[in-house]
Protein backbone atom coordinates (compact mmCIF):
# COMPACT_ATOMS: atom_id res chain seq x y z
CA MET A 1 199.35 -73.45 -34.49
CA PRO A 2 196.69 -76.11 -34.59
CA GLN A 3 196.80 -78.53 -37.58
CA TRP A 4 193.58 -77.77 -38.84
CA CYS A 5 194.52 -73.99 -38.73
CA LEU A 6 197.53 -74.62 -41.12
CA TRP A 7 195.38 -76.57 -43.24
CA GLY A 8 192.44 -74.16 -43.50
CA MET A 9 194.89 -71.35 -44.36
CA ALA A 10 196.51 -73.62 -47.04
CA VAL A 11 193.05 -74.08 -48.44
CA VAL A 12 191.72 -70.54 -48.34
CA MET A 13 194.86 -69.53 -50.09
CA ALA A 14 193.59 -71.81 -53.17
CA VAL A 15 190.47 -69.51 -53.40
CA THR A 16 190.24 -68.00 -56.81
CA GLY A 17 187.12 -66.26 -58.41
CA HIS A 18 184.01 -67.79 -56.79
CA THR A 19 184.87 -71.39 -56.20
CA ALA A 20 187.48 -72.79 -54.00
CA VAL A 21 190.11 -74.87 -55.64
CA ALA A 22 190.32 -78.68 -54.28
CA ALA A 23 193.97 -78.32 -53.93
CA PRO A 24 196.47 -81.00 -52.41
CA THR A 25 196.50 -79.39 -49.23
CA ALA A 26 192.90 -80.85 -48.41
CA PRO A 27 193.86 -84.49 -47.28
CA GLY A 28 191.30 -87.08 -47.83
CA VAL A 29 189.24 -85.30 -50.31
CA GLU A 30 187.66 -87.95 -53.04
CA PHE A 31 187.41 -85.44 -55.92
CA ALA A 32 184.77 -87.87 -57.49
CA GLU A 33 182.40 -87.02 -54.96
CA ILE A 34 182.17 -83.40 -56.04
CA THR A 35 180.91 -84.05 -59.39
CA PRO A 36 180.40 -81.27 -62.08
CA GLU A 37 176.76 -81.30 -61.54
CA VAL A 38 177.32 -80.53 -57.67
CA GLN A 39 179.78 -77.73 -58.52
CA ASN A 40 177.18 -76.17 -60.67
CA ALA A 41 174.32 -76.50 -57.84
CA VAL A 42 176.77 -75.15 -55.22
CA ARG A 43 177.68 -72.21 -57.66
CA MET A 44 173.98 -71.29 -58.09
CA GLY A 45 173.13 -71.65 -54.35
CA LEU A 46 176.03 -69.46 -53.19
CA VAL A 47 175.03 -66.76 -55.64
CA TYR A 48 171.27 -67.30 -54.28
CA LEU A 49 172.45 -67.16 -50.55
CA ALA A 50 174.58 -64.04 -51.04
CA SER A 51 171.51 -62.15 -52.52
CA GLN A 52 169.49 -62.92 -49.47
CA GLN A 53 171.91 -61.39 -46.90
CA GLN A 54 170.42 -58.38 -45.30
CA PRO A 55 172.46 -55.18 -44.77
CA ASP A 56 173.26 -55.74 -41.11
CA GLY A 57 174.74 -59.35 -42.34
CA SER A 58 171.72 -61.24 -41.00
CA PHE A 59 169.69 -64.17 -42.71
CA GLY A 60 166.40 -65.28 -41.84
CA ALA A 61 162.72 -65.77 -43.18
CA GLU A 62 159.31 -64.25 -42.26
CA ARG A 63 158.79 -66.63 -39.39
CA TYR A 64 162.20 -65.74 -37.68
CA GLY A 65 163.34 -62.53 -39.02
CA ARG A 66 166.89 -61.66 -38.17
CA HIS A 67 167.99 -65.15 -36.81
CA VAL A 68 171.42 -65.57 -35.28
CA GLY A 69 171.19 -69.67 -36.10
CA ILE A 70 170.29 -69.21 -39.95
CA SER A 71 172.71 -66.59 -40.50
CA ALA A 72 175.59 -68.88 -38.90
CA LEU A 73 174.45 -71.84 -41.23
CA ALA A 74 174.58 -69.26 -44.00
CA GLY A 75 178.33 -68.38 -42.96
CA LEU A 76 179.17 -71.96 -42.63
CA ALA A 77 177.84 -72.45 -46.17
CA PHE A 78 179.93 -69.96 -47.65
CA MET A 79 183.12 -71.26 -45.49
CA GLY A 80 182.11 -74.75 -46.76
CA ASP A 81 183.18 -73.38 -50.29
CA GLY A 82 186.63 -72.08 -48.64
CA HIS A 83 185.55 -68.44 -48.18
CA LEU A 84 186.74 -66.73 -45.01
CA PRO A 85 186.91 -63.17 -44.20
CA GLY A 86 189.19 -61.17 -46.49
CA ARG A 87 189.77 -64.30 -48.80
CA GLY A 88 187.30 -65.38 -51.81
CA ARG A 89 184.29 -64.02 -53.42
CA TYR A 90 182.01 -64.60 -50.42
CA GLY A 91 184.77 -63.36 -47.68
CA PRO A 92 182.52 -60.30 -47.36
CA ASN A 93 179.55 -62.12 -46.77
CA VAL A 94 181.28 -64.00 -43.91
CA SER A 95 182.56 -60.86 -42.42
CA LYS A 96 179.15 -59.56 -42.37
CA VAL A 97 177.66 -62.61 -40.62
CA LEU A 98 180.64 -62.42 -37.95
CA LYS A 99 179.47 -58.73 -37.48
CA PHE A 100 175.91 -59.62 -37.09
CA ILE A 101 176.89 -62.37 -34.64
CA LEU A 102 179.09 -60.36 -32.52
CA ASP A 103 176.62 -57.58 -32.53
CA SER A 104 174.24 -60.22 -31.22
CA SER A 105 176.27 -61.42 -28.27
CA MET A 106 174.87 -60.32 -24.80
CA PRO A 107 176.77 -59.47 -21.88
CA ASN A 108 175.78 -62.92 -20.28
CA GLY A 109 177.06 -64.70 -23.48
CA LEU A 110 173.81 -65.49 -25.10
CA ILE A 111 173.93 -64.93 -28.87
CA ALA A 112 170.36 -64.16 -29.94
CA ALA A 113 168.41 -61.39 -32.18
CA ASP A 114 164.94 -62.09 -33.42
CA THR A 115 163.48 -65.41 -32.76
CA SER A 116 159.95 -66.98 -32.43
CA HIS A 117 161.16 -69.96 -30.49
CA GLY A 118 163.81 -70.66 -27.60
CA PRO A 119 166.99 -68.99 -28.31
CA MET A 120 169.34 -72.02 -27.44
CA TYR A 121 168.97 -73.47 -31.13
CA GLY A 122 170.32 -70.15 -32.56
CA HIS A 123 172.92 -69.72 -29.76
CA GLY A 124 174.30 -73.19 -30.58
CA PHE A 125 174.77 -72.61 -34.32
CA ALA A 126 176.17 -69.27 -33.79
CA THR A 127 178.63 -70.52 -31.41
CA LEU A 128 179.68 -73.14 -33.85
CA PHE A 129 180.15 -70.72 -36.34
CA LEU A 130 182.40 -68.42 -33.93
CA SER A 131 184.26 -71.48 -33.00
CA GLU A 132 184.85 -72.48 -36.72
CA LEU A 133 186.25 -68.71 -37.44
CA TYR A 134 188.49 -68.62 -34.34
CA GLY A 135 192.02 -68.40 -35.39
CA GLN A 136 191.06 -67.16 -38.88
CA ASP A 137 190.55 -63.56 -37.97
CA ASN A 138 192.23 -61.04 -35.81
CA ASP A 139 189.17 -59.48 -34.19
CA PRO A 140 189.55 -59.84 -30.24
CA ARG A 141 185.76 -59.75 -30.01
CA THR A 142 185.45 -63.14 -31.80
CA ARG A 143 187.43 -64.80 -28.92
CA GLU A 144 185.61 -62.82 -26.11
CA ALA A 145 182.11 -63.55 -27.51
CA LEU A 146 183.19 -67.25 -28.15
CA ILE A 147 184.38 -67.75 -24.40
CA LYS A 148 181.26 -66.12 -23.05
CA ALA A 149 179.01 -68.25 -25.30
CA ILE A 150 180.79 -71.35 -24.05
CA ARG A 151 180.45 -70.47 -20.70
CA LEU A 152 176.80 -70.02 -20.91
CA ILE A 153 176.30 -73.53 -22.75
CA VAL A 154 178.24 -75.07 -19.96
CA ARG A 155 176.24 -73.22 -16.82
CA SER A 156 172.83 -74.08 -18.70
CA GLN A 157 173.15 -77.78 -18.81
CA ASN A 158 170.48 -79.43 -16.99
CA PRO A 159 170.78 -82.08 -14.20
CA GLU A 160 169.88 -84.77 -16.86
CA GLY A 161 173.04 -83.69 -19.03
CA GLY A 162 171.01 -82.03 -21.71
CA TRP A 163 169.93 -78.47 -23.03
CA ARG A 164 166.55 -77.22 -24.13
CA TYR A 165 164.97 -74.10 -25.47
CA GLN A 166 165.87 -71.61 -22.71
CA PRO A 167 169.50 -70.94 -21.49
CA VAL A 168 168.33 -72.23 -18.11
CA PRO A 169 169.39 -75.61 -16.54
CA THR A 170 166.07 -77.10 -16.30
CA GLU A 171 164.49 -79.10 -19.20
CA ALA A 172 166.29 -80.93 -21.93
CA ASP A 173 165.87 -82.67 -25.44
CA ILE A 174 168.02 -84.35 -27.87
CA SER A 175 167.50 -81.86 -30.49
CA VAL A 176 168.86 -78.78 -28.71
CA THR A 177 171.30 -80.79 -27.10
CA ILE A 178 173.35 -81.71 -30.17
CA CYS A 179 173.60 -78.22 -31.16
CA GLN A 180 175.30 -77.50 -27.97
CA VAL A 181 177.55 -80.49 -28.18
CA MET A 182 178.59 -79.71 -31.41
CA ALA A 183 179.52 -76.08 -30.68
CA LEU A 184 181.41 -77.38 -27.46
CA ARG A 185 183.51 -79.73 -29.80
CA ALA A 186 184.30 -77.17 -32.20
CA ALA A 187 185.42 -74.79 -29.34
CA ARG A 188 187.38 -77.21 -27.76
CA ASN A 189 189.13 -77.98 -31.24
CA ALA A 190 190.09 -74.40 -31.50
CA GLY A 191 191.70 -74.24 -28.20
CA ILE A 192 189.12 -73.05 -25.96
CA LYS A 193 188.54 -74.66 -22.38
CA VAL A 194 185.38 -77.24 -22.26
CA PRO A 195 184.98 -78.96 -18.76
CA LYS A 196 185.09 -82.77 -19.47
CA GLU A 197 182.38 -83.08 -16.96
CA THR A 198 180.05 -81.25 -19.28
CA ILE A 199 180.76 -83.64 -22.30
CA ASP A 200 180.46 -86.69 -19.88
CA LYS A 201 176.92 -85.73 -18.64
CA ALA A 202 175.92 -84.96 -22.42
CA VAL A 203 176.92 -88.32 -23.57
CA ASP A 204 175.01 -90.13 -20.61
CA TYR A 205 172.04 -88.21 -21.60
CA VAL A 206 172.16 -88.94 -25.26
CA ARG A 207 172.83 -92.65 -24.55
CA ARG A 208 169.84 -92.75 -22.15
CA CYS A 209 167.66 -91.39 -25.09
CA GLN A 210 168.16 -94.52 -27.37
CA ASN A 211 165.40 -96.80 -27.99
CA PRO A 212 165.75 -100.40 -28.48
CA ASP A 213 165.41 -100.24 -32.16
CA GLY A 214 168.43 -97.95 -32.52
CA GLY A 215 166.70 -94.73 -33.10
CA PHE A 216 166.50 -91.96 -30.52
CA ARG A 217 163.77 -90.36 -28.78
CA TYR A 218 163.08 -86.64 -28.15
CA LEU A 219 162.97 -86.68 -24.59
CA LEU A 220 164.51 -88.81 -21.97
CA ASN A 221 161.55 -90.33 -20.63
CA ALA A 222 159.35 -90.96 -23.60
CA GLY A 223 158.98 -90.70 -27.49
CA ASN A 224 159.35 -93.00 -30.38
CA SER A 225 162.29 -93.02 -32.57
CA ALA A 226 162.42 -90.65 -35.61
CA PHE A 227 165.06 -89.96 -38.35
CA PRO A 228 166.06 -86.30 -37.52
CA ARG A 229 166.68 -86.80 -33.92
CA SER A 230 168.24 -90.03 -34.35
CA ALA A 231 170.65 -88.76 -36.71
CA ALA A 232 171.23 -85.85 -34.01
CA GLY A 233 171.70 -88.61 -31.67
CA VAL A 234 174.73 -90.64 -33.63
CA ALA A 235 176.42 -87.32 -34.21
CA THR A 236 176.52 -86.22 -30.79
CA LEU A 237 178.23 -89.30 -29.89
CA TYR A 238 180.81 -88.90 -32.42
CA TYR A 239 181.47 -85.36 -31.61
CA ALA A 240 181.84 -86.30 -27.91
CA GLY A 241 184.94 -88.34 -29.07
CA ILE A 242 183.10 -91.66 -29.24
CA TYR A 243 183.81 -93.58 -32.38
CA GLU A 244 183.37 -97.32 -31.61
CA ASP A 245 180.52 -98.01 -29.62
CA GLN A 246 177.60 -100.24 -29.76
CA ALA A 247 175.09 -97.21 -29.52
CA ILE A 248 176.57 -95.89 -32.74
CA ASP A 249 176.35 -99.15 -34.51
CA ARG A 250 172.66 -99.67 -33.65
CA GLY A 251 172.07 -95.78 -34.39
CA LEU A 252 173.84 -96.28 -37.87
CA GLU A 253 171.51 -99.23 -38.54
CA TYR A 254 168.62 -97.08 -37.81
CA LEU A 255 169.45 -94.49 -39.97
CA MET A 256 170.29 -96.51 -43.07
CA GLN A 257 166.76 -97.53 -43.01
CA ASN A 258 166.23 -94.05 -44.04
CA LEU A 259 168.63 -93.84 -46.93
CA PRO A 260 167.81 -90.98 -49.22
CA GLY A 261 165.83 -91.66 -52.39
CA GLU A 262 163.50 -93.88 -51.10
CA GLY A 263 160.73 -91.26 -51.62
CA ARG A 264 160.15 -90.47 -47.89
CA ASN A 265 158.58 -87.46 -46.87
CA THR A 266 160.68 -86.82 -43.95
CA PRO A 267 159.72 -83.95 -41.33
CA HIS A 268 162.37 -81.69 -40.44
CA TYR A 269 164.17 -82.85 -43.65
CA PHE A 270 167.31 -80.34 -43.50
CA TYR A 271 167.77 -80.74 -39.96
CA GLY A 272 167.93 -84.54 -40.22
CA HIS A 273 170.23 -84.67 -43.18
CA TYR A 274 172.68 -82.12 -41.99
CA TYR A 275 173.47 -84.34 -39.11
CA ALA A 276 173.04 -87.58 -40.89
CA VAL A 277 175.41 -86.63 -43.46
CA GLN A 278 178.09 -85.89 -40.63
CA ALA A 279 177.35 -89.00 -38.89
CA MET A 280 177.63 -91.15 -41.98
CA TYR A 281 181.04 -89.16 -42.82
CA MET A 282 182.53 -89.92 -39.38
CA ALA A 283 181.42 -93.63 -39.77
CA GLY A 284 183.00 -93.78 -43.13
CA GLY A 285 183.25 -96.94 -45.15
CA ASP A 286 180.21 -98.43 -46.78
CA ASN A 287 177.94 -96.20 -44.44
CA TRP A 288 179.35 -92.74 -46.26
CA ALA A 289 179.85 -94.78 -49.75
CA LYS A 290 176.09 -95.33 -49.75
CA TRP A 291 174.92 -92.18 -48.14
CA TYR A 292 176.66 -89.34 -49.78
CA PRO A 293 175.70 -90.17 -53.46
CA ALA A 294 172.10 -90.83 -52.33
CA ILE A 295 171.53 -87.59 -50.56
CA ARG A 296 173.66 -85.77 -53.29
CA ALA A 297 171.34 -87.03 -56.07
CA GLU A 298 168.39 -86.01 -53.89
CA LEU A 299 169.46 -82.62 -53.21
CA LEU A 300 170.32 -82.06 -56.61
CA ASP A 301 166.81 -83.02 -57.77
CA ARG A 302 164.97 -80.72 -55.01
CA GLN A 303 167.18 -77.46 -56.00
CA ASN A 304 164.83 -74.85 -57.64
CA LYS A 305 165.75 -73.93 -61.14
CA PRO A 306 167.18 -71.45 -62.19
CA THR A 307 167.09 -69.54 -59.01
CA GLY A 308 169.32 -72.23 -57.28
CA ASP A 309 167.85 -72.40 -53.93
CA TRP A 310 166.09 -74.86 -51.70
CA ASP A 311 162.99 -74.71 -49.99
CA GLY A 312 163.59 -75.24 -46.14
CA GLN A 313 160.88 -75.68 -43.62
CA VAL A 314 161.57 -72.32 -42.07
CA GLY A 315 162.44 -70.58 -45.27
CA LYS A 316 164.84 -70.55 -48.51
CA SER A 317 168.03 -69.10 -46.73
CA TYR A 318 167.80 -71.78 -44.13
CA GLY A 319 167.18 -74.71 -46.67
CA THR A 320 169.81 -73.10 -48.99
CA ALA A 321 172.56 -72.88 -46.50
CA MET A 322 171.70 -76.60 -45.23
CA ALA A 323 171.72 -77.95 -48.71
CA LEU A 324 175.32 -76.42 -49.38
CA ILE A 325 176.68 -77.50 -46.09
CA ILE A 326 175.55 -81.21 -47.05
CA LEU A 327 176.71 -80.95 -50.60
CA GLN A 328 180.02 -79.55 -49.52
CA MET A 329 180.79 -82.21 -46.98
CA PRO A 330 183.62 -83.82 -49.28
CA ASN A 331 185.49 -80.59 -49.41
CA ARG A 332 186.38 -80.91 -45.51
CA TYR A 333 187.01 -77.17 -45.44
CA LEU A 334 185.29 -76.75 -42.18
CA PRO A 335 187.51 -77.87 -39.12
CA ILE A 336 184.40 -79.49 -37.53
CA PHE A 337 184.20 -81.94 -40.31
CA GLN A 338 187.79 -83.05 -40.08
CA LYS A 339 188.48 -86.61 -38.49
């Protein structure tokens, strides 16, 4: 059994009540990072998030309805606190998310329900969720849906090496591309075969999207650098297995110019910080030491009291799930966040 599975099993065995106990089985956890204020914010956020789940297991908003991507992020937020199907206070919520995503898996591998935009965003997050759960449940549908979802990602990669809104190999942008690369990396970690050529082409695409200032543009041939897509670009390289590279160094320097707490009104706030905190964690050292306390303080300040939710661009369930995933990064409970 993969090491991350053994560790994950040890972690969930430490779950008591509604909060996962940070047991010695979690290597590398800096306990000082999860402050009492974070613990309380997470507790309130999880209570709110659970209250928003629909009977079919889905999460969404007025704009998106029953959305597999938002539902997957909510599931990951529960898992970030150590809850899994059959384990922990929110284990039933994770099970319901899993059922909704499996029920939304189509014969061709696409995972989609209600959406007002291209389905590949949701498909990428849903595939990531299935990958993180694979090996933790005994449902053969999980493996079948995951394999089909990965095959769809592979065959919908465009000639440039990226992906865009629709599951067809035509256009590409860096924002959708990172969703697919992260899903591919998680699936590979879980033992699912992923063609090396697919990853190599994605890396080449992302590299060519980097601007001279170290940031990343949205499309291959045009566009200025921006924080959200640059965070996604750096994260893509890390999840493709590249850890030391001038492109990463330049990208990190660009991101550090957007350190939280400077009062910036960042478009696509949660999307950008979701990837930025992952990039900084993978970078480690001073980058992580400066970034996490800054985003932690900012998110604690932005949480709505006493409801415990966060306002997101596409609704409170989305914002709350993203904030919880970011705040819980030091737990290292999700396999994808293990170095």
